[in-house]
């Protein structure tokens, strides 16, 4: 893959991720936090956690993406 093609693909990915972060600034996920076995019984505790992506981070990703996609002279 040519470096220009790789730069363009990375820039486009950053722009799309930035747009997605602006559209959905909070996403949730579930993780297993505790497992316990008591004889034949098994217990699992799942915790729901969420992550907030700041708007400035989404805009910064988009700006870097535009710089990478923008055609260079020379």
C-alpha atoms as a PDB file:
ATOM      1  CA  UNK A   1       0.000   0.000   0.000  1.00  0.00           C
ATOM      2  CA  UNK A   2       1.337   3.439  -0.919  1.00  0.00           C
ATOM      3  CA  UNK A   3       1.980   5.926   1.906  1.00  0.00           C
ATOM      4  CA  UNK A   4      -0.458   8.418   0.344  1.00  0.00           C
ATOM      5  CA  UNK A   5      -3.204   5.788   0.276  1.00  0.00           C
ATOM      6  CA  UNK A   6      -2.507   4.823   3.879  1.00  0.00           C
ATOM      7  CA  UNK A   7      -2.556   8.490   4.935  1.00  0.00           C
ATOM      8  CA  UNK A   8      -5.874   9.010   3.133  1.00  0.00           C
ATOM      9  CA  UNK A   9      -7.426   5.901   4.732  1.00  0.00           C
ATOM     10  CA  UNK A  10      -6.263   6.936   8.213  1.00  0.00           C
ATOM     11  CA  UNK A  11      -7.614  10.453   7.696  1.00  0.00           C
ATOM     12  CA  UNK A  12     -10.960   9.169   6.489  1.00  0.00           C
ATOM     13  CA  UNK A  13     -11.189   6.811   9.491  1.00  0.00           C
ATOM     14  CA  UNK A  14     -10.480   9.679  11.897  1.00  0.00           C
ATOM     15  CA  UNK A  15     -13.150  11.851  10.263  1.00  0.00           C
ATOM     16  CA  UNK A  16     -15.734   9.060  10.492  1.00  0.00           C
ATOM     17  CA  UNK A  17     -14.831   8.258  14.107  1.00  0.00           C
ATOM     18  CA  UNK A  18     -15.080  11.951  14.999  1.00  0.00           C
ATOM     19  CA  UNK A  19     -18.512  12.189  13.402  1.00  0.00           C
ATOM     20  CA  UNK A  20     -19.655   9.061  15.239  1.00  0.00           C
ATOM     21  CA  UNK A  21     -18.360  10.476  18.539  1.00  0.00           C
ATOM     22  CA  UNK A  22     -20.342  13.678  17.967  1.00  0.00           C
ATOM     23  CA  UNK A  23     -23.485  11.726  17.086  1.00  0.00           C
ATOM     24  CA  UNK A  24     -23.184   9.274  20.022  1.00  0.00           C
ATOM     25  CA  UNK A  25     -21.043  10.939  22.731  1.00  0.00           C
ATOM     26  CA  UNK A  26     -21.823   8.269  25.361  1.00  0.00           C
ATOM     27  CA  UNK A  27     -21.600   4.526  24.883  1.00  0.00           C
ATOM     28  CA  UNK A  28     -22.180   1.749  27.386  1.00  0.00           C
ATOM     29  CA  UNK A  29     -20.683  -1.682  27.773  1.00  0.00           C
ATOM     30  CA  UNK A  30     -21.048  -4.603  30.169  1.00  0.00           C
ATOM     31  CA  UNK A  31     -18.143  -6.333  31.847  1.00  0.00           C
ATOM     32  CA  UNK A  32     -17.833  -9.285  34.200  1.00  0.00           C
ATOM     33  CA  UNK A  33     -16.538  -8.061  37.534  1.00  0.00           C
ATOM     34  CA  UNK A  34     -16.807 -10.987  39.947  1.00  0.00           C
ATOM     35  CA  UNK A  35     -17.010 -14.739  39.590  1.00  0.00           C
ATOM     36  CA  UNK A  36     -17.728 -17.089  42.465  1.00  0.00           C
ATOM     37  CA  UNK A  37     -18.091 -20.842  42.659  1.00  0.00           C
ATOM     38  CA  UNK A  38     -19.781 -22.427  45.632  1.00  0.00           C
ATOM     39  CA  UNK A  39     -19.838 -26.140  45.037  1.00  0.00           C
ATOM     40  CA  UNK A  40     -22.018 -26.792  41.981  1.00  0.00           C
ATOM     41  CA  UNK A  41     -23.279 -23.196  41.879  1.00  0.00           C
ATOM     42  CA  UNK A  42     -21.582 -20.462  39.869  1.00  0.00           C
ATOM     43  CA  UNK A  43     -22.253 -16.752  40.269  1.00  0.00           C
ATOM     44  CA  UNK A  44     -21.231 -13.944  37.942  1.00  0.00           C
ATOM     45  CA  UNK A  45     -21.731 -10.255  38.597  1.00  0.00           C
ATOM     46  CA  UNK A  46     -21.904  -8.038  35.534  1.00  0.00           C
ATOM     47  CA  UNK A  47     -21.348  -4.308  35.761  1.00  0.00           C
ATOM     48  CA  UNK A  48     -22.650  -1.841  33.220  1.00  0.00           C
ATOM     49  CA  UNK A  49     -20.245   1.013  32.594  1.00  0.00           C
ATOM     50  CA  UNK A  50     -20.351   3.968  30.235  1.00  0.00           C
ATOM     51  CA  UNK A  51     -17.728   6.130  28.592  1.00  0.00           C
ATOM     52  CA  UNK A  52     -18.265   9.754  27.570  1.00  0.00           C
ATOM     53  CA  UNK A  53     -16.252  11.117  24.648  1.00  0.00           C
ATOM     54  CA  UNK A  54     -15.709  14.870  24.968  1.00  0.00           C
ATOM     55  CA  UNK A  55     -16.739  17.021  21.995  1.00  0.00           C
ATOM     56  CA  UNK A  56     -13.254  18.559  21.817  1.00  0.00           C
ATOM     57  CA  UNK A  57     -11.731  15.102  21.292  1.00  0.00           C
ATOM     58  CA  UNK A  58     -14.165  14.329  18.471  1.00  0.00           C
ATOM     59  CA  UNK A  59     -13.455  17.681  16.814  1.00  0.00           C
ATOM     60  CA  UNK A  60      -9.698  17.187  17.211  1.00  0.00           C
ATOM     61  CA  UNK A  61      -9.909  13.756  15.567  1.00  0.00           C
ATOM     62  CA  UNK A  62     -11.859  15.237  12.689  1.00  0.00           C
ATOM     63  CA  UNK A  63      -9.355  18.085  12.283  1.00  0.00           C
ATOM     64  CA  UNK A  64      -6.412  15.670  12.142  1.00  0.00           C
ATOM     65  CA  UNK A  65      -8.356  13.570   9.660  1.00  0.00           C
ATOM     66  CA  UNK A  66      -8.945  16.569   7.392  1.00  0.00           C
ATOM     67  CA  UNK A  67      -5.228  17.413   7.507  1.00  0.00           C
ATOM     68  CA  UNK A  68      -4.370  13.843   6.495  1.00  0.00           C
ATOM     69  CA  UNK A  69      -6.944  13.723   3.675  1.00  0.00           C
ATOM     70  CA  UNK A  70      -6.208  17.189   2.281  1.00  0.00           C
ATOM     71  CA  UNK A  71      -4.144  16.895  -0.927  1.00  0.00           C
ATOM     72  CA  UNK A  72      -0.592  18.176  -0.683  1.00  0.00           C
ATOM     73  CA  UNK A  73       1.217  20.089  -3.390  1.00  0.00           C
ATOM     74  CA  UNK A  74       4.448  18.715  -4.696  1.00  0.00           C
END
